[in-house]
Amino acid sequence: MGYVRLRIRELAEKRGWSLKQVADRSGVNYNTVRSYVQRDTLNTVDLSAVYKIARAFDVTMEDLVEILED
């Protein structure tokens, strides 16, 4: 099973956004955004949420998701 890391914190810091602003701009629940940031590795994600977050940052899903080797 593979693991991923979402680059939410880096992209938010680059734009000067808080996690709350990421949630508001993407339409994804704040607790979901926060949980994705707090965990170093994820083995499951809601792809529709990841897509919405990527759209908010105006990046591709590939730019948002970092695939980690296990």
N, C-alpha and C. Protein backbone atom coordinates (compact mmCIF):
# COMPACT_ATOMS: atom_id res chain seq x y z
N MET A 1 0.85 -1.18 0.00
CA MET A 1 0.00 0.00 0.00
C MET A 1 0.90 1.24 0.00
N GLY A 2 0.57 2.21 -0.82
CA GLY A 2 1.36 3.42 -0.90
C GLY A 2 0.86 4.50 0.04
N TYR A 3 1.73 5.43 0.32
CA TYR A 3 1.40 6.55 1.19
C TYR A 3 1.65 7.85 0.44
N VAL A 4 0.89 8.86 0.79
CA VAL A 4 1.05 10.17 0.17
C VAL A 4 1.15 11.24 1.24
N ARG A 5 1.67 12.37 0.83
CA ARG A 5 1.69 13.57 1.67
C ARG A 5 1.15 14.70 0.81
N LEU A 6 0.27 15.49 1.39
CA LEU A 6 -0.28 16.63 0.66
C LEU A 6 0.52 17.88 1.01
N ARG A 7 0.88 18.65 0.02
CA ARG A 7 1.73 19.83 0.19
C ARG A 7 0.92 21.08 0.54
N ILE A 8 -0.12 20.92 1.34
CA ILE A 8 -1.02 22.02 1.67
C ILE A 8 -0.28 23.12 2.42
N ARG A 9 0.46 22.76 3.45
CA ARG A 9 1.14 23.77 4.27
C ARG A 9 2.10 24.62 3.43
N GLU A 10 2.90 23.96 2.60
CA GLU A 10 3.87 24.70 1.78
C GLU A 10 3.16 25.66 0.82
N LEU A 11 2.12 25.17 0.17
CA LEU A 11 1.41 26.02 -0.80
C LEU A 11 0.68 27.16 -0.09
N ALA A 12 0.13 26.90 1.08
CA ALA A 12 -0.56 27.95 1.84
C ALA A 12 0.43 29.01 2.30
N GLU A 13 1.57 28.60 2.81
CA GLU A 13 2.59 29.55 3.27
C GLU A 13 3.09 30.40 2.10
N LYS A 14 3.26 29.79 0.96
CA LYS A 14 3.73 30.52 -0.23
C LYS A 14 2.77 31.64 -0.61
N ARG A 15 1.47 31.42 -0.38
CA ARG A 15 0.45 32.42 -0.72
C ARG A 15 0.05 33.29 0.46
N GLY A 16 0.57 32.97 1.65
CA GLY A 16 0.21 33.73 2.83
C GLY A 16 -1.18 33.41 3.35
N TRP A 17 -1.66 32.19 3.09
CA TRP A 17 -2.99 31.78 3.51
C TRP A 17 -2.91 30.97 4.80
N SER A 18 -3.93 31.11 5.61
CA SER A 18 -4.08 30.25 6.78
C SER A 18 -4.80 28.97 6.32
N LEU A 19 -4.80 27.97 7.18
CA LEU A 19 -5.54 26.74 6.84
C LEU A 19 -7.03 27.03 6.73
N LYS A 20 -7.52 27.96 7.52
CA LYS A 20 -8.93 28.35 7.44
C LYS A 20 -9.23 28.94 6.07
N GLN A 21 -8.32 29.76 5.56
CA GLN A 21 -8.50 30.34 4.23
C GLN A 21 -8.47 29.26 3.15
N VAL A 22 -7.60 28.26 3.32
CA VAL A 22 -7.57 27.14 2.37
C VAL A 22 -8.92 26.45 2.36
N ALA A 23 -9.45 26.19 3.55
CA ALA A 23 -10.75 25.54 3.66
C ALA A 23 -11.85 26.39 3.02
N ASP A 24 -11.86 27.67 3.31
CA ASP A 24 -12.89 28.56 2.76
C ASP A 24 -12.79 28.65 1.24
N ARG A 25 -11.58 28.78 0.72
CA ARG A 25 -11.39 28.95 -0.72
C ARG A 25 -11.68 27.66 -1.50
N SER A 26 -11.46 26.52 -0.84
CA SER A 26 -11.65 25.25 -1.54
C SER A 26 -13.04 24.66 -1.33
N GLY A 27 -13.71 25.10 -0.27
CA GLY A 27 -15.00 24.52 0.06
C GLY A 27 -14.89 23.18 0.78
N VAL A 28 -13.69 22.87 1.27
CA VAL A 28 -13.45 21.64 2.01
C VAL A 28 -13.51 21.97 3.50
N ASN A 29 -14.13 21.09 4.26
CA ASN A 29 -14.26 21.30 5.70
C ASN A 29 -12.90 21.58 6.33
N TYR A 30 -12.86 22.57 7.23
CA TYR A 30 -11.61 22.96 7.88
C TYR A 30 -10.96 21.77 8.60
N ASN A 31 -11.75 20.97 9.28
CA ASN A 31 -11.18 19.83 10.02
C ASN A 31 -10.51 18.83 9.08
N THR A 32 -11.04 18.69 7.88
CA THR A 32 -10.43 17.80 6.88
C THR A 32 -9.09 18.37 6.45
N VAL A 33 -9.06 19.66 6.12
CA VAL A 33 -7.81 20.31 5.71
C VAL A 33 -6.78 20.18 6.83
N ARG A 34 -7.18 20.48 8.04
CA ARG A 34 -6.27 20.43 9.19
C ARG A 34 -5.74 19.01 9.40
N SER A 35 -6.61 18.01 9.26
CA SER A 35 -6.16 16.63 9.48
C SER A 35 -5.16 16.21 8.40
N TYR A 36 -5.36 16.66 7.17
CA TYR A 36 -4.41 16.35 6.10
C TYR A 36 -3.05 16.98 6.37
N VAL A 37 -3.04 18.17 6.97
CA VAL A 37 -1.78 18.85 7.25
C VAL A 37 -1.08 18.24 8.46
N GLN A 38 -1.84 17.86 9.47
CA GLN A 38 -1.24 17.37 10.71
C GLN A 38 -0.59 16.00 10.57
N ARG A 39 -1.09 15.19 9.66
CA ARG A 39 -0.50 13.85 9.48
C ARG A 39 0.61 13.93 8.45
N ASP A 40 1.75 13.34 8.77
CA ASP A 40 2.88 13.35 7.84
C ASP A 40 2.60 12.49 6.62
N THR A 41 1.96 11.34 6.84
CA THR A 41 1.66 10.45 5.73
C THR A 41 0.19 10.03 5.81
N LEU A 42 -0.39 9.86 4.66
CA LEU A 42 -1.79 9.44 4.57
C LEU A 42 -1.85 8.21 3.68
N ASN A 43 -2.71 7.27 4.06
CA ASN A 43 -2.90 6.13 3.16
C ASN A 43 -4.27 6.18 2.50
N THR A 44 -5.15 7.06 2.98
CA THR A 44 -6.43 7.28 2.31
C THR A 44 -6.75 8.77 2.32
N VAL A 45 -7.30 9.24 1.24
CA VAL A 45 -7.74 10.63 1.13
C VAL A 45 -9.05 10.66 0.36
N ASP A 46 -9.79 11.70 0.55
CA ASP A 46 -11.00 11.95 -0.24
C ASP A 46 -10.56 12.66 -1.52
N LEU A 47 -10.60 11.97 -2.64
CA LEU A 47 -10.10 12.55 -3.89
C LEU A 47 -10.86 13.81 -4.29
N SER A 48 -12.14 13.87 -3.99
CA SER A 48 -12.88 15.09 -4.34
C SER A 48 -12.38 16.27 -3.50
N ALA A 49 -12.02 16.04 -2.25
CA ALA A 49 -11.46 17.10 -1.41
C ALA A 49 -10.09 17.52 -1.92
N VAL A 50 -9.27 16.55 -2.28
CA VAL A 50 -7.94 16.85 -2.81
C VAL A 50 -8.06 17.66 -4.09
N TYR A 51 -8.99 17.30 -4.94
CA TYR A 51 -9.22 18.03 -6.19
C TYR A 51 -9.64 19.48 -5.89
N LYS A 52 -10.54 19.68 -4.95
CA LYS A 52 -11.00 21.03 -4.60
C LYS A 52 -9.86 21.87 -4.03
N ILE A 53 -9.02 21.26 -3.20
CA ILE A 53 -7.88 21.98 -2.62
C ILE A 53 -6.90 22.36 -3.73
N ALA A 54 -6.62 21.44 -4.63
CA ALA A 54 -5.72 21.74 -5.75
C ALA A 54 -6.28 22.89 -6.59
N ARG A 55 -7.57 22.88 -6.86
CA ARG A 55 -8.19 23.97 -7.63
C ARG A 55 -8.07 25.30 -6.90
N ALA A 56 -8.22 25.30 -5.58
CA ALA A 56 -8.09 26.54 -4.81
C ALA A 56 -6.69 27.12 -4.94
N PHE A 57 -5.69 26.25 -4.98
CA PHE A 57 -4.30 26.70 -5.14
C PHE A 57 -3.94 26.95 -6.61
N ASP A 58 -4.83 26.58 -7.53
CA ASP A 58 -4.59 26.69 -8.96
C ASP A 58 -3.37 25.86 -9.38
N VAL A 59 -3.32 24.62 -8.84
CA VAL A 59 -2.27 23.68 -9.20
C VAL A 59 -2.94 22.37 -9.60
N THR A 60 -2.19 21.49 -10.21
CA THR A 60 -2.71 20.17 -10.54
C THR A 60 -2.68 19.30 -9.28
N MET A 61 -3.44 18.21 -9.33
CA MET A 61 -3.39 17.28 -8.22
C MET A 61 -1.99 16.70 -8.05
N GLU A 62 -1.29 16.52 -9.15
CA GLU A 62 0.08 16.01 -9.09
C GLU A 62 1.01 16.96 -8.35
N ASP A 63 0.74 18.27 -8.46
CA ASP A 63 1.55 19.25 -7.75
C ASP A 63 1.24 19.28 -6.26
N LEU A 64 0.04 18.90 -5.90
CA LEU A 64 -0.39 18.91 -4.49
C LEU A 64 0.01 17.63 -3.77
N VAL A 65 0.00 16.51 -4.47
CA VAL A 65 0.23 15.21 -3.84
C VAL A 65 1.68 14.78 -4.04
N GLU A 66 2.32 14.44 -2.93
CA GLU A 66 3.67 13.88 -2.98
C GLU A 66 3.55 12.39 -2.65
N ILE A 67 4.00 11.54 -3.54
CA ILE A 67 3.94 10.11 -3.32
C ILE A 67 5.19 9.69 -2.56
N LEU A 68 4.97 9.02 -1.44
CA LEU A 68 6.08 8.58 -0.59
C LEU A 68 6.33 7.10 -0.80
N GLU A 69 7.56 6.72 -0.80
CA GLU A 69 7.91 5.30 -0.89
C GLU A 69 7.72 4.68 0.49
N ASP A 70 7.24 3.44 0.52
CA ASP A 70 7.12 2.80 1.83
C ASP A 70 8.11 1.69 2.01
